[in-house]
Amino acid sequence: MGPLASYLPYLLNRAGARIATAFGEEMRPLGATLQIWRVLAALREQDGQRMGDLSSTTSIDVSTLTRLVDNMEKKGLVARQRDPEDARAVVLNVTPAGRRLTVRILPIAERYEKVALQGFDPAEAEQLKAALRRLYANMDGLKKPPPNKPHGRRG
C-alpha cells in the first residue's frame, strides 16, 4: 500500500466522491441533485431556515446556495418568505412539491447509508460519524494564522 492509499484527505475524498457520484445518478431521473437533496434534507429537519444558517447546515457556500435556491424556487420545491421575526431577513420554506420529492428521495438516501455502513456494528457506525464530525470541525484550524515564529537572531 503506497502513501496515497493511507493519506486521509485522499481516502475521505475517494469515499465521498463514490457515494456522491452514484447518488447523483439516481437523483437525475427525479429532477434532483445531491445539493438539492441537502437543502431538502436540511429543511426537513428544520423548515424556515435563513440562507446563512442553511449554508452552514448544508456546507454549500452562500453564492452557490443562492443560485441553487433560485433554481429550486423555479421548480416549485421551495419558497422564500420574509422572516416573521426580522423583516429584513429571508427564510426558506419547503413547498408541498418539495415535501413530495423529499419523501421519494429519503428511502434512497437511507439505502446509501445502509450500504456504506455494511459490516459496521451500530457502535462502530456512531464512532465513525462522530470522528467525521470532529474531523470536519478540526478543519476550522486552517482559518487561524500559524503561530508567530520569532524573527531575528537566536539566543
Protein backbone atom coordinates (compact mmCIF):
# COMPACT_ATOMS: atom_id res chain seq x y z
CA MET A 1 0.00 0.00 0.00
CA GLY A 2 1.54 3.30 -1.14
CA PRO A 3 1.44 6.62 0.71
CA LEU A 4 -1.60 7.85 -1.25
CA ALA A 5 -3.68 4.87 -0.10
CA SER A 6 -3.10 5.85 3.53
CA TYR A 7 -3.46 9.65 3.08
CA LEU A 8 -6.61 10.73 4.97
CA PRO A 9 -7.81 13.52 2.62
CA TYR A 10 -7.48 11.13 -0.33
CA LEU A 11 -9.43 8.38 1.46
CA LEU A 12 -12.20 10.77 2.52
CA ASN A 13 -12.49 12.27 -0.94
CA ARG A 14 -12.48 8.88 -2.64
CA ALA A 15 -15.27 7.53 -0.41
CA GLY A 16 -17.32 10.74 -0.62
CA ALA A 17 -16.93 11.05 -4.39
CA ARG A 18 -18.01 7.45 -4.94
CA ILE A 19 -21.16 7.95 -2.87
CA ALA A 20 -21.91 11.38 -4.38
CA THR A 21 -21.48 10.23 -7.98
CA ALA A 22 -23.73 7.18 -7.61
CA PHE A 23 -26.32 9.14 -5.60
CA GLY A 24 -26.32 11.94 -8.18
CA GLU A 25 -27.02 9.45 -10.95
CA GLU A 26 -30.04 8.14 -9.03
CA MET A 27 -31.29 11.70 -8.41
CA ARG A 28 -31.19 12.74 -12.07
CA PRO A 29 -34.40 10.91 -13.14
CA LEU A 30 -36.20 12.57 -10.21
CA GLY A 31 -35.08 16.01 -11.41
CA ALA A 32 -32.88 16.42 -8.36
CA THR A 33 -29.19 16.64 -7.48
CA LEU A 34 -27.14 15.90 -4.38
CA GLN A 35 -27.19 19.62 -3.50
CA ILE A 36 -30.98 19.81 -3.90
CA TRP A 37 -31.24 16.81 -1.59
CA ARG A 38 -29.01 18.51 1.00
CA VAL A 39 -31.30 21.55 1.03
CA LEU A 40 -34.47 19.45 1.21
CA ALA A 41 -32.98 17.27 3.99
CA ALA A 42 -31.96 20.37 5.98
CA LEU A 43 -35.44 21.87 5.58
CA ARG A 44 -36.97 18.53 6.59
CA GLU A 45 -35.07 18.82 9.88
CA GLN A 46 -35.97 22.49 10.32
CA ASP A 47 -38.18 24.33 7.85
CA GLY A 48 -37.95 28.11 7.62
CA GLN A 49 -34.16 28.45 7.82
CA ARG A 50 -32.31 31.63 6.89
CA MET A 51 -29.91 31.34 3.96
CA GLY A 52 -26.83 31.79 6.17
CA ASP A 53 -27.92 29.01 8.51
CA LEU A 54 -28.82 26.79 5.56
CA SER A 55 -25.38 27.44 4.06
CA SER A 56 -23.73 26.23 7.29
CA THR A 57 -26.01 23.21 7.62
CA THR A 58 -25.54 22.06 4.01
CA SER A 59 -21.88 23.10 3.57
CA ILE A 60 -22.86 24.96 0.40
CA ASP A 61 -21.39 28.47 0.14
CA VAL A 62 -23.94 31.29 0.10
CA SER A 63 -23.43 32.35 -3.54
CA THR A 64 -23.84 28.77 -4.81
CA LEU A 65 -26.78 28.24 -2.44
CA THR A 66 -28.49 31.39 -3.75
CA ARG A 67 -28.32 30.11 -7.35
CA LEU A 68 -29.44 26.65 -6.22
CA VAL A 69 -32.42 28.07 -4.30
CA ASP A 70 -33.37 30.22 -7.35
CA ASN A 71 -33.47 27.02 -9.38
CA MET A 72 -35.41 25.14 -6.68
CA GLU A 73 -37.90 28.01 -6.46
CA LYS A 74 -38.47 27.86 -10.24
CA LYS A 75 -39.15 24.12 -9.88
CA GLY A 76 -41.67 24.88 -7.12
CA LEU A 77 -39.74 22.97 -4.42
CA VAL A 78 -39.13 25.87 -2.02
CA ALA A 79 -40.45 29.37 -1.38
CA ARG A 80 -38.66 32.39 0.05
CA GLN A 81 -40.53 34.35 2.68
CA ARG A 82 -39.79 37.26 4.98
CA ASP A 83 -38.70 36.15 8.42
CA PRO A 84 -41.61 36.93 10.77
CA GLU A 85 -39.11 37.85 13.50
CA ASP A 86 -36.92 40.08 11.27
CA ALA A 87 -38.49 41.65 8.19
CA ARG A 88 -35.04 42.30 6.65
CA ALA A 89 -34.21 38.58 6.63
CA VAL A 90 -35.47 35.91 4.24
CA VAL A 91 -36.27 32.35 5.26
CA LEU A 92 -36.69 29.35 3.05
CA ASN A 93 -39.69 27.05 3.34
CA VAL A 94 -40.28 23.76 1.58
CA THR A 95 -43.42 23.56 -0.58
CA PRO A 96 -45.78 20.58 -0.87
CA ALA A 97 -43.93 19.58 -4.09
CA GLY A 98 -40.64 19.80 -2.19
CA ARG A 99 -42.06 17.59 0.55
CA ARG A 100 -43.21 15.03 -2.03
CA LEU A 101 -39.73 14.96 -3.59
CA THR A 102 -38.17 14.59 -0.12
CA VAL A 103 -40.39 11.57 0.57
CA ARG A 104 -39.25 10.00 -2.72
CA ILE A 105 -35.54 10.61 -2.04
CA LEU A 106 -35.49 9.62 1.64
CA PRO A 107 -35.51 5.82 1.10
CA ILE A 108 -32.73 6.18 -1.49
CA ALA A 109 -30.60 8.19 0.95
CA GLU A 110 -31.28 5.66 3.70
CA ARG A 111 -30.23 2.82 1.37
CA TYR A 112 -26.94 4.60 0.62
CA GLU A 113 -26.19 4.93 4.32
CA LYS A 114 -27.07 1.27 4.91
CA VAL A 115 -24.80 0.10 2.06
CA ALA A 116 -21.94 2.41 3.14
CA LEU A 117 -22.12 1.13 6.73
CA GLN A 118 -22.45 -2.55 5.82
CA GLY A 119 -20.37 -4.64 8.23
CA PHE A 120 -20.17 -1.85 10.83
CA ASP A 121 -21.96 -2.58 14.08
CA PRO A 122 -24.09 0.30 15.44
CA ALA A 123 -21.35 1.44 17.87
CA GLU A 124 -18.73 1.48 15.09
CA ALA A 125 -21.08 3.40 12.81
CA GLU A 126 -21.68 6.02 15.50
CA GLN A 127 -17.92 6.24 16.22
CA LEU A 128 -17.24 6.81 12.52
CA LYS A 129 -19.87 9.55 12.31
CA ALA A 130 -18.56 11.21 15.48
CA ALA A 131 -15.00 11.03 14.16
CA LEU A 132 -16.04 12.62 10.85
CA ARG A 133 -17.88 15.42 12.68
CA ARG A 134 -14.73 16.05 14.77
CA LEU A 135 -12.52 15.95 11.71
CA TYR A 136 -14.77 18.49 9.97
CA ALA A 137 -14.70 20.80 13.00
CA ASN A 138 -10.89 20.43 13.22
CA MET A 139 -10.59 21.97 9.77
CA ASP A 140 -11.57 25.32 11.32
CA GLY A 141 -7.92 25.31 12.42
CA LEU A 142 -6.94 26.17 8.86
CA LYS A 143 -8.64 29.57 9.25
CA LYS A 144 -6.34 30.51 12.12
CA PRO A 145 -3.00 32.06 11.26
CA PRO A 146 0.01 29.90 12.08
CA PRO A 147 1.69 30.74 15.39
CA ASN A 148 4.19 33.58 15.05
CA LYS A 149 7.76 32.46 14.92
CA PRO A 150 10.26 34.83 16.49
CA HIS A 151 12.35 36.75 13.99
CA GLY A 152 15.90 37.86 14.40
CA ARG A 153 18.93 36.26 15.93
CA ARG A 154 18.84 33.18 18.09
CA GLY A 155 19.99 33.13 21.67
